[in-house]
């Protein structure tokens, strides 16, 4: 009965009809008609990206954007001329007062560039001449989920492809035995902002472009090992038979998801041999753990994930996405941001140093960023020790290293309150366009036809920030 129904479906009919076949092909496989063939549009300066996403939004005022004049305003109401009636979240909109809160942490200048960094980032201070710090980032989203979604997919609405999926779709993989796009998670306690799988999903792109998420313990990928009684030879014969059945169905229906399934099964088979070796950090020498810190010995930590990211980069993984939770400091920011920096500062700097000494930094782009910034005024009672800072999309700071980005420079400037951008604004779409440019991709040409429209990561915006390249 199913076969008879299939014989008269619209898809089956069009699939057997001249011009209908071409129309159907454009619907089922938009890549056939896209300006994408796996080759870069420009000579790339980066072969791969490691994106260190600090989920929850680190406070730029306490880490990367020194504002010494705030001590004069500490405890006073933020001037109306600075706030300009800009919207607040519901967490501070009912506060009777919005007192300016200077950073309690000291800043010092580092390196030949003389870049000012917080005392919370001593290890980052030692590599500051390898970094390009952007202090003028901004976004529209004022809450975490839409802001992280915007950073990772180019839109606040869920369901679009992630940046790693776009890169995988546009350039493919350098190593056929490993996925082009890998995600690693760390940090967080109950109550922290959640991270959803759609952040590294492929959206409307074929599903083979979604990320492979690694686990912190056990097999690096769930169900990677063969179950008891199943040998590699049995697995191979099973996949061959299943692949043949899938190819018959794909030929009959033209469904690209069937082809994606075949590709994913084959990749999983190859990963059974390659992945356990790469994920085995125990073979690293002692001096490597001294560089990354003792946390690197513990699988699933941020330090271990940074070390694993270096090993994946060495093996040609195209896009490596790290998420580290726990930066959402609405309360107790002083103690909590200290803890987050202890977890991340040494490993982030070690990753840059490690890649550099191996000759990989020049063609590996590292991005360290949250989804937005934090407010100059406090949330809660400033007189207490448990105050925090609220969400602030108007301006925040990130850093980049390697992959064709100019080292030892700072780009963009905020006002004396780190509340508004004073010079060289950089939108999320600009950052995304610049990342793609480093990979040799024109962000306006990396498109995919979906529901009658050519979609792209940067939507209808985006400017390559050539000044930092």
Protein backbone atom coordinates (compact mmCIF):
# COMPACT_ATOMS: atom_id res chain seq x y z
CA UNK A 1 0.00 0.00 0.00
CA UNK A 2 2.81 2.42 0.90
CA UNK A 3 4.46 1.79 -2.47
CA UNK A 4 1.21 2.47 -4.30
CA UNK A 5 0.71 5.70 -2.38
CA UNK A 6 4.27 6.74 -3.13
CA UNK A 7 3.70 6.16 -6.84
CA UNK A 8 1.05 8.87 -6.98
CA UNK A 9 2.54 11.44 -4.62
CA UNK A 10 3.32 14.86 -6.05
CA UNK A 11 7.00 14.43 -5.22
CA UNK A 12 7.23 11.10 -7.04
CA UNK A 13 5.32 12.50 -10.03
CA UNK A 14 7.49 15.59 -10.36
CA UNK A 15 10.60 13.50 -9.82
CA UNK A 16 9.82 11.60 -13.04
CA UNK A 17 8.78 14.61 -15.10
CA UNK A 18 11.28 16.65 -17.18
CA UNK A 19 11.14 20.26 -15.97
CA UNK A 20 9.50 19.07 -12.78
CA UNK A 21 12.67 17.16 -11.94
CA UNK A 22 14.74 20.32 -12.17
CA UNK A 23 12.27 22.24 -10.05
CA UNK A 24 12.18 19.44 -7.51
CA UNK A 25 15.97 19.31 -7.42
CA UNK A 26 16.12 23.01 -6.58
CA UNK A 27 13.67 22.47 -3.72
CA UNK A 28 15.29 19.35 -2.31
CA UNK A 29 18.92 20.33 -2.79
CA UNK A 30 19.31 24.13 -2.91
CA UNK A 31 23.08 23.72 -2.81
CA UNK A 32 22.93 22.59 -6.45
CA UNK A 33 21.97 26.15 -7.38
CA UNK A 34 23.96 28.03 -4.73
CA UNK A 35 27.31 29.75 -5.11
CA UNK A 36 28.94 27.10 -2.91
CA UNK A 37 31.34 24.42 -4.06
CA UNK A 38 33.62 23.94 -1.07
CA UNK A 39 36.17 26.43 -2.36
CA UNK A 40 36.86 29.78 -0.67
CA UNK A 41 35.93 33.01 -2.43
CA UNK A 42 39.19 34.69 -1.34
CA UNK A 43 42.59 33.53 -0.25
CA UNK A 44 41.90 32.57 3.38
CA UNK A 45 44.01 33.66 6.32
CA UNK A 46 42.44 31.02 8.58
CA UNK A 47 41.75 27.35 7.96
CA UNK A 48 39.75 26.83 11.11
CA UNK A 49 37.99 28.63 13.98
CA UNK A 50 37.92 27.99 17.73
CA UNK A 51 35.07 29.97 19.26
CA UNK A 52 35.28 30.32 23.06
CA UNK A 53 31.77 31.39 24.00
CA UNK A 54 31.50 32.64 27.59
CA UNK A 55 27.81 31.96 28.14
CA UNK A 56 26.03 34.40 30.43
CA UNK A 57 27.86 37.56 29.35
CA UNK A 58 31.10 38.57 31.12
CA UNK A 59 31.31 42.09 32.51
CA UNK A 60 33.44 44.17 30.17
CA UNK A 61 33.84 46.85 32.86
CA UNK A 62 35.51 44.36 35.19
CA UNK A 63 37.67 42.60 32.59
CA UNK A 64 38.54 44.31 29.30
CA UNK A 65 37.24 47.90 29.25
CA UNK A 66 39.01 50.02 31.87
CA UNK A 67 37.02 53.02 33.10
CA UNK A 68 39.05 54.79 35.81
CA UNK A 69 36.77 57.85 35.84
CA UNK A 70 33.93 55.77 37.25
CA UNK A 71 35.42 56.08 40.72
CA UNK A 72 34.29 59.74 40.68
CA UNK A 73 30.72 58.65 39.95
CA UNK A 74 30.61 55.59 42.20
CA UNK A 75 27.28 55.44 44.04
CA UNK A 76 25.70 58.30 42.09
CA UNK A 77 22.75 57.91 39.74
CA UNK A 78 23.75 57.24 36.14
CA UNK A 79 23.27 60.52 34.20
CA UNK A 80 20.14 60.72 32.06
CA UNK A 81 22.28 62.04 29.20
CA UNK A 82 24.16 58.73 29.21
CA UNK A 83 21.15 56.44 29.65
CA UNK A 84 19.06 58.33 27.08
CA UNK A 85 15.98 56.38 28.12
CA UNK A 86 17.33 53.11 26.78
CA UNK A 87 15.35 50.07 27.78
CA UNK A 88 16.11 48.01 30.86
CA UNK A 89 15.39 44.39 31.62
CA UNK A 90 12.58 43.53 33.99
CA UNK A 91 15.22 42.73 36.60
CA UNK A 92 16.21 46.39 37.08
CA UNK A 93 13.35 48.36 35.51
CA UNK A 94 11.61 48.57 38.92
CA UNK A 95 14.70 49.67 40.83
CA UNK A 96 14.27 53.10 42.36
CA UNK A 97 17.93 53.91 41.80
CA UNK A 98 20.54 52.93 39.21
CA UNK A 99 23.82 53.85 40.92
CA UNK A 100 27.05 53.87 38.92
CA UNK A 101 29.32 51.08 40.13
CA UNK A 102 33.04 51.33 39.51
CA UNK A 103 34.96 48.10 39.10
CA UNK A 104 36.46 46.89 42.36
CA UNK A 105 39.34 45.34 40.43
CA UNK A 106 42.61 47.01 39.49
CA UNK A 107 43.71 47.34 35.88
CA UNK A 108 47.32 47.29 34.63
CA UNK A 109 48.95 47.74 31.25
CA UNK A 110 50.55 44.73 29.61
CA UNK A 111 52.88 43.93 26.73
CA UNK A 112 54.44 46.19 24.18
CA UNK A 113 50.96 47.30 23.17
CA UNK A 114 50.33 48.65 26.68
CA UNK A 115 46.81 47.24 26.70
CA UNK A 116 44.95 47.63 30.00
CA UNK A 117 43.47 44.45 31.47
CA UNK A 118 41.89 43.55 34.78
CA UNK A 119 43.89 41.91 37.55
CA UNK A 120 41.50 38.97 37.08
CA UNK A 121 43.22 38.13 33.77
CA UNK A 122 46.94 37.72 34.58
CA UNK A 123 47.49 34.94 32.05
CA UNK A 124 45.66 36.84 29.32
CA UNK A 125 47.93 39.77 30.14
CA UNK A 126 50.95 37.69 29.13
CA UNK A 127 49.55 37.07 25.64
CA UNK A 128 47.95 40.48 25.10
CA UNK A 129 50.31 41.30 22.21
CA UNK A 130 48.79 38.35 20.32
CA UNK A 131 45.25 39.64 20.80
CA UNK A 132 42.95 42.04 19.02
CA UNK A 133 40.50 43.39 21.59
CA UNK A 134 37.24 44.82 20.25
CA UNK A 135 35.55 47.07 22.82
CA UNK A 136 32.69 48.30 20.66
CA UNK A 137 30.57 45.20 20.08
CA UNK A 138 26.79 45.63 20.21
CA UNK A 139 23.61 43.65 19.64
CA UNK A 140 19.84 44.16 19.75
CA UNK A 141 18.97 41.28 22.06
CA UNK A 142 18.66 42.13 25.75
CA UNK A 143 18.01 38.63 27.14
CA UNK A 144 20.25 35.58 27.06
CA UNK A 145 18.52 33.10 24.80
CA UNK A 146 17.85 35.47 21.90
CA UNK A 147 21.31 37.03 22.36
CA UNK A 148 23.17 33.72 22.27
CA UNK A 149 20.99 32.65 19.35
CA UNK A 150 21.92 35.90 17.58
CA UNK A 151 25.63 35.40 18.22
CA UNK A 152 25.57 31.83 16.96
CA UNK A 153 23.02 31.98 14.12
CA UNK A 154 22.74 35.63 13.05
CA UNK A 155 19.15 36.04 14.20
CA UNK A 156 17.27 36.14 17.51
CA UNK A 157 14.72 33.64 16.19
CA UNK A 158 15.51 29.97 16.82
CA UNK A 159 15.70 27.51 13.97
CA UNK A 160 18.43 29.04 11.79
CA UNK A 161 21.77 27.36 11.02
CA UNK A 162 24.62 28.03 13.44
CA UNK A 163 27.82 29.69 12.28
CA UNK A 164 29.69 26.39 12.50
CA UNK A 165 27.09 24.76 10.28
CA UNK A 166 27.42 27.56 7.73
CA UNK A 167 31.19 27.11 7.69
CA UNK A 168 30.85 23.34 7.37
CA UNK A 169 28.34 23.81 4.53
CA UNK A 170 30.55 26.30 2.74
CA UNK A 171 33.97 24.69 3.12
CA UNK A 172 33.46 21.10 4.20
CA UNK A 173 35.95 19.20 6.33
CA UNK A 174 39.73 19.01 6.14
CA UNK A 175 39.69 15.51 7.63
CA UNK A 176 37.18 12.98 6.36
CA UNK A 177 37.62 10.88 9.51
CA UNK A 178 36.41 13.69 11.77
CA UNK A 179 33.40 16.00 11.79
CA UNK A 180 33.87 19.49 10.38
CA UNK A 181 32.02 21.02 13.34
CA UNK A 182 32.48 20.00 16.98
CA UNK A 183 30.91 21.38 20.18
CA UNK A 184 32.34 21.11 23.70
CA UNK A 185 30.45 22.15 26.86
CA UNK A 186 31.74 23.04 30.31
CA UNK A 187 30.86 24.95 33.47
CA UNK A 188 27.55 25.83 34.98
CA UNK A 189 25.51 24.87 38.02
CA UNK A 190 21.75 24.35 38.44
CA UNK A 191 20.02 27.64 37.77
CA UNK A 192 22.50 28.89 35.18
CA UNK A 193 21.27 29.85 31.73
CA UNK A 194 20.61 26.68 29.69
CA UNK A 195 22.20 25.89 26.36
CA UNK A 196 19.99 24.29 23.72
CA UNK A 197 21.11 21.97 20.95
CA UNK A 198 19.66 24.28 18.31
CA UNK A 199 22.57 26.67 19.02
CA UNK A 200 24.83 24.24 17.17
CA UNK A 201 22.16 22.81 14.91
CA UNK A 202 22.02 23.01 11.13
CA UNK A 203 18.58 24.65 10.96
CA UNK A 204 17.29 24.38 7.42
CA UNK A 205 20.67 23.19 6.09
CA UNK A 206 20.98 19.43 5.55
CA UNK A 207 21.56 17.72 8.88
CA UNK A 208 25.10 16.52 8.11
CA UNK A 209 26.20 20.13 8.76
CA UNK A 210 25.11 20.16 12.39
CA UNK A 211 27.75 19.84 15.09
CA UNK A 212 28.88 16.66 16.76
CA UNK A 213 28.68 17.31 20.51
CA UNK A 214 31.42 15.73 22.59
CA UNK A 215 30.78 14.38 26.06
CA UNK A 216 32.85 15.27 29.11
CA UNK A 217 33.06 11.69 30.39
CA UNK A 218 33.03 8.22 28.88
CA UNK A 219 33.03 7.82 25.12
CA UNK A 220 33.61 11.23 23.51
CA UNK A 221 30.45 10.69 21.43
CA UNK A 222 27.43 8.78 22.66
CA UNK A 223 27.12 5.25 21.22
CA UNK A 224 30.46 5.58 19.43
CA UNK A 225 31.71 2.19 20.64
CA UNK A 226 30.21 -1.01 19.24
CA UNK A 227 27.92 -2.86 21.64
CA UNK A 228 28.98 -6.21 23.06
CA UNK A 229 29.12 -8.92 20.42
CA UNK A 230 29.35 -6.52 17.46
CA UNK A 231 32.72 -6.53 15.70
CA UNK A 232 34.07 -3.93 13.28
CA UNK A 233 33.45 -6.35 10.41
CA UNK A 234 29.80 -6.86 11.42
CA UNK A 235 29.36 -3.09 11.76
CA UNK A 236 30.86 -2.55 8.30
CA UNK A 237 28.60 -5.13 6.64
CA UNK A 238 25.55 -3.70 8.40
CA UNK A 239 26.35 -0.17 7.20
CA UNK A 240 26.93 -1.41 3.65
CA UNK A 241 23.53 -3.08 3.57
CA UNK A 242 21.79 -0.14 5.22
CA UNK A 243 23.54 2.29 2.86
CA UNK A 244 22.32 0.38 -0.16
CA UNK A 245 18.72 0.49 1.08
CA UNK A 246 19.03 4.20 1.79
CA UNK A 247 20.46 4.89 -1.67
CA UNK A 248 17.50 3.09 -3.26
CA UNK A 249 15.11 5.23 -1.26
CA UNK A 250 17.09 8.41 -2.04
CA UNK A 251 16.96 7.63 -5.74
CA UNK A 252 13.20 7.17 -5.56
CA UNK A 253 12.39 10.27 -3.52
CA UNK A 254 15.28 12.70 -3.96
CA UNK A 255 15.20 13.41 -0.23
CA UNK A 256 18.53 15.01 0.74
CA UNK A 257 18.06 13.98 4.38
CA UNK A 258 18.54 10.36 3.31
CA UNK A 259 21.90 11.30 1.78
CA UNK A 260 22.74 13.16 4.98
CA UNK A 261 21.92 10.05 7.00
CA UNK A 262 24.22 7.92 4.85
CA UNK A 263 27.03 10.45 5.29
CA UNK A 264 26.53 10.58 9.06
CA UNK A 265 26.59 6.79 9.41
CA UNK A 266 29.83 6.61 7.46
CA UNK A 267 31.41 9.42 9.47
CA UNK A 268 30.42 7.71 12.72
CA UNK A 269 32.11 4.51 11.51
CA UNK A 270 35.34 6.34 10.73
CA UNK A 271 35.22 8.22 14.02
CA UNK A 272 35.21 4.94 15.93
CA UNK A 273 38.92 4.70 15.20
CA UNK A 274 40.03 8.34 15.04
CA UNK A 275 38.12 9.99 17.86
CA UNK A 276 39.15 7.97 20.92
CA UNK A 277 42.82 8.64 20.10
CA UNK A 278 42.30 12.39 19.79
CA UNK A 279 40.16 12.59 22.93
CA UNK A 280 42.79 10.78 25.00
CA UNK A 281 44.46 13.69 26.77
CA UNK A 282 46.52 11.37 28.98
CA UNK A 283 49.14 11.05 26.26
CA UNK A 284 49.98 14.76 26.55
CA UNK A 285 53.36 15.53 28.20
CA UNK A 286 53.56 17.02 31.67
CA UNK A 287 54.57 20.46 30.43
CA UNK A 288 51.29 20.72 28.52
CA UNK A 289 49.26 20.30 31.71
CA UNK A 290 51.50 22.86 33.39
CA UNK A 291 50.61 25.26 30.58
CA UNK A 292 46.84 24.69 30.69
CA UNK A 293 46.59 24.16 34.44
CA UNK A 294 45.61 21.21 36.63
CA UNK A 295 41.96 21.44 35.53
CA UNK A 296 43.07 20.15 32.13
CA UNK A 297 43.55 16.71 33.71
CA UNK A 298 39.82 16.59 34.47
CA UNK A 299 37.69 15.73 31.39
CA UNK A 300 34.79 18.08 30.78
CA UNK A 301 36.40 21.16 32.32
CA UNK A 302 37.02 24.33 30.35
CA UNK A 303 40.78 23.73 30.51
CA UNK A 304 40.43 20.16 29.23
CA UNK A 305 38.16 21.37 26.43
CA UNK A 306 40.70 24.04 25.41
CA UNK A 307 43.39 21.37 25.22
CA UNK A 308 41.06 19.08 23.27
CA UNK A 309 40.28 21.98 20.94
CA UNK A 310 43.98 22.28 20.14
CA UNK A 311 44.16 18.55 19.38
CA UNK A 312 41.09 18.78 17.14
CA UNK A 313 42.54 21.82 15.34
CA UNK A 314 45.73 19.87 14.69
CA UNK A 315 43.67 17.17 13.02
CA UNK A 316 41.81 19.54 10.71
CA UNK A 317 38.43 20.06 12.39
CA UNK A 318 37.07 23.16 10.72
CA UNK A 319 34.97 24.78 13.48
CA UNK A 320 35.37 24.05 17.19
CA UNK A 321 32.81 25.64 19.47
CA UNK A 322 33.37 25.79 23.23
CA UNK A 323 30.59 26.94 25.54
CA UNK A 324 31.44 27.74 29.16
CA UNK A 325 28.43 28.50 31.36
CA UNK A 326 28.11 30.54 34.51
CA UNK A 327 28.88 34.17 33.55
CA UNK A 328 25.39 35.52 34.35
CA UNK A 329 26.26 37.60 37.41
CA UNK A 330 23.14 39.41 38.59
CA UNK A 331 24.24 38.87 42.19
CA UNK A 332 27.55 38.40 44.00
CA UNK A 333 29.47 39.51 40.93
CA UNK A 334 32.71 40.19 42.82
CA UNK A 335 33.17 36.63 44.05
CA UNK A 336 31.53 34.91 41.09
CA UNK A 337 33.52 36.64 38.36
CA UNK A 338 36.72 35.81 40.25
CA UNK A 339 35.74 32.13 40.15
CA UNK A 340 34.95 32.23 36.42
CA UNK A 341 38.27 33.85 35.63
CA UNK A 342 40.12 31.22 37.65
CA UNK A 343 38.38 28.59 35.53
CA UNK A 344 39.10 30.20 32.17
CA UNK A 345 41.96 32.70 32.16
CA UNK A 346 44.91 30.31 32.17
CA UNK A 347 43.41 27.85 29.68
CA UNK A 348 42.33 30.57 27.23
CA UNK A 349 45.83 32.03 27.24
CA UNK A 350 47.40 28.57 27.06
CA UNK A 351 45.41 27.77 23.94
CA UNK A 352 46.83 30.83 22.18
CA UNK A 353 50.37 30.03 23.37
CA UNK A 354 50.08 26.34 22.47
CA UNK A 355 48.85 27.02 18.95
CA UNK A 356 51.50 29.68 18.47
CA UNK A 357 54.41 27.48 19.47
CA UNK A 358 53.13 24.75 17.14
CA UNK A 359 52.85 27.14 14.19
CA UNK A 360 49.06 26.80 14.12
CA UNK A 361 48.00 30.21 15.39
CA UNK A 362 48.69 31.89 12.07
CA UNK A 363 45.89 29.91 10.39
CA UNK A 364 43.61 29.31 13.39
CA UNK A 365 41.20 32.09 14.36
CA UNK A 366 40.30 32.17 18.05
CA UNK A 367 37.27 34.18 19.19
CA UNK A 368 36.57 34.85 22.89
CA UNK A 369 33.13 36.42 23.42
CA UNK A 370 29.92 36.47 25.41
CA UNK A 371 26.48 37.31 24.03
CA UNK A 372 26.35 40.90 25.39
CA UNK A 373 27.85 43.00 28.19
CA UNK A 374 26.91 44.12 31.70
CA UNK A 375 25.59 47.44 32.99
CA UNK A 376 27.70 50.15 34.62
CA UNK A 377 25.03 50.51 37.30
CA UNK A 378 24.48 47.78 39.83
CA UNK A 379 21.59 45.41 40.20
CA UNK A 380 20.52 45.20 43.82
CA UNK A 381 21.84 47.13 46.77
CA UNK A 382 25.27 48.66 46.16
CA UNK A 383 25.84 48.95 49.92
CA UNK A 384 25.65 45.17 50.25
CA UNK A 385 28.22 42.67 49.09
CA UNK A 386 25.83 40.71 46.90
CA UNK A 387 25.15 43.24 44.15
CA UNK A 388 25.50 42.31 40.48
CA UNK A 389 25.26 43.84 37.03
CA UNK A 390 22.36 43.51 34.60
CA UNK A 391 22.34 42.74 30.86
CA UNK A 392 23.75 45.39 28.55
CA UNK A 393 23.53 44.93 24.76
CA UNK A 394 24.62 48.50 23.94
CA UNK A 395 28.34 47.72 24.18
CA UNK A 396 30.62 44.91 25.24
CA UNK A 397 34.15 43.62 24.69
CA UNK A 398 35.57 40.52 23.02
CA UNK A 399 38.97 39.42 21.82
CA UNK A 400 40.29 37.59 18.77
CA UNK A 401 43.66 36.04 18.00
CA UNK A 402 45.44 34.44 15.04
CA UNK A 403 43.94 33.59 11.68
CA UNK A 404 44.83 36.87 9.97
CA UNK A 405 43.68 39.24 12.74
CA UNK A 406 46.08 42.06 13.62
CA UNK A 407 47.77 41.33 16.97
CA UNK A 408 48.44 43.76 19.77
CA UNK A 409 45.67 46.18 18.90
CA UNK A 410 42.47 47.51 20.41
CA UNK A 411 39.56 48.48 18.18
CA UNK A 412 36.55 50.59 19.10
CA UNK A 413 35.89 52.74 22.13
CA UNK A 414 33.04 53.27 24.57
CA UNK A 415 32.09 56.37 26.55
CA UNK A 416 33.46 56.95 30.06
CA UNK A 417 30.65 54.82 31.51
CA UNK A 418 31.06 51.88 29.11
CA UNK A 419 27.39 52.43 28.36
CA UNK A 420 27.39 53.68 24.74
CA UNK A 421 29.80 53.22 21.85
CA UNK A 422 31.90 56.28 21.13
CA UNK A 423 33.92 55.02 18.18
CA UNK A 424 33.90 52.23 15.56
CA UNK A 425 30.79 50.18 16.42
CA UNK A 426 30.90 46.49 15.54
CA UNK A 427 27.61 44.63 15.22
CA UNK A 428 27.23 40.87 15.67
CA UNK A 429 26.75 40.57 11.90
CA UNK A 430 30.01 42.46 11.37
CA UNK A 431 31.84 39.97 13.57
CA UNK A 432 30.28 37.06 11.69
CA UNK A 433 31.17 38.60 8.31
CA UNK A 434 34.75 39.10 9.51
CA UNK A 435 35.07 35.51 10.76
CA UNK A 436 33.88 34.24 7.39
CA UNK A 437 36.27 36.60 5.58
CA UNK A 438 39.21 35.15 7.49
CA UNK A 439 38.12 31.74 6.21
CA UNK A 440 38.04 33.10 2.66
CA UNK A 441 34.25 33.33 2.48
CA UNK A 442 32.22 36.27 1.18
CA UNK A 443 29.34 36.42 3.67
CA UNK A 444 27.00 37.80 0.99
CA UNK A 445 27.64 34.81 -1.29
CA UNK A 446 27.33 32.02 1.27
CA UNK A 447 23.60 31.45 0.83
CA UNK A 448 20.98 28.72 1.00
CA UNK A 449 17.53 28.82 -0.61
CA UNK A 450 14.82 28.16 1.97
CA UNK A 451 11.10 28.87 1.64
CA UNK A 452 11.63 31.00 -1.45
CA UNK A 453 14.42 33.16 -0.06
CA UNK A 454 18.22 33.07 -0.21
CA UNK A 455 19.25 33.04 3.46
CA UNK A 456 22.69 33.82 4.84
CA UNK A 457 24.34 33.97 8.26
CA UNK A 458 24.45 37.78 8.29
CA UNK A 459 20.85 38.17 7.07
CA UNK A 460 20.74 41.54 5.27
CA UNK A 461 23.55 43.17 7.24
CA UNK A 462 27.19 42.65 8.02
CA UNK A 463 30.40 44.52 7.24
CA UNK A 464 33.84 42.99 7.22
CA UNK A 465 35.86 44.89 9.84
CA UNK A 466 38.89 45.19 7.60
CA UNK A 467 40.64 47.51 10.04
CA UNK A 468 41.46 44.59 12.34
CA UNK A 469 42.69 42.27 9.57
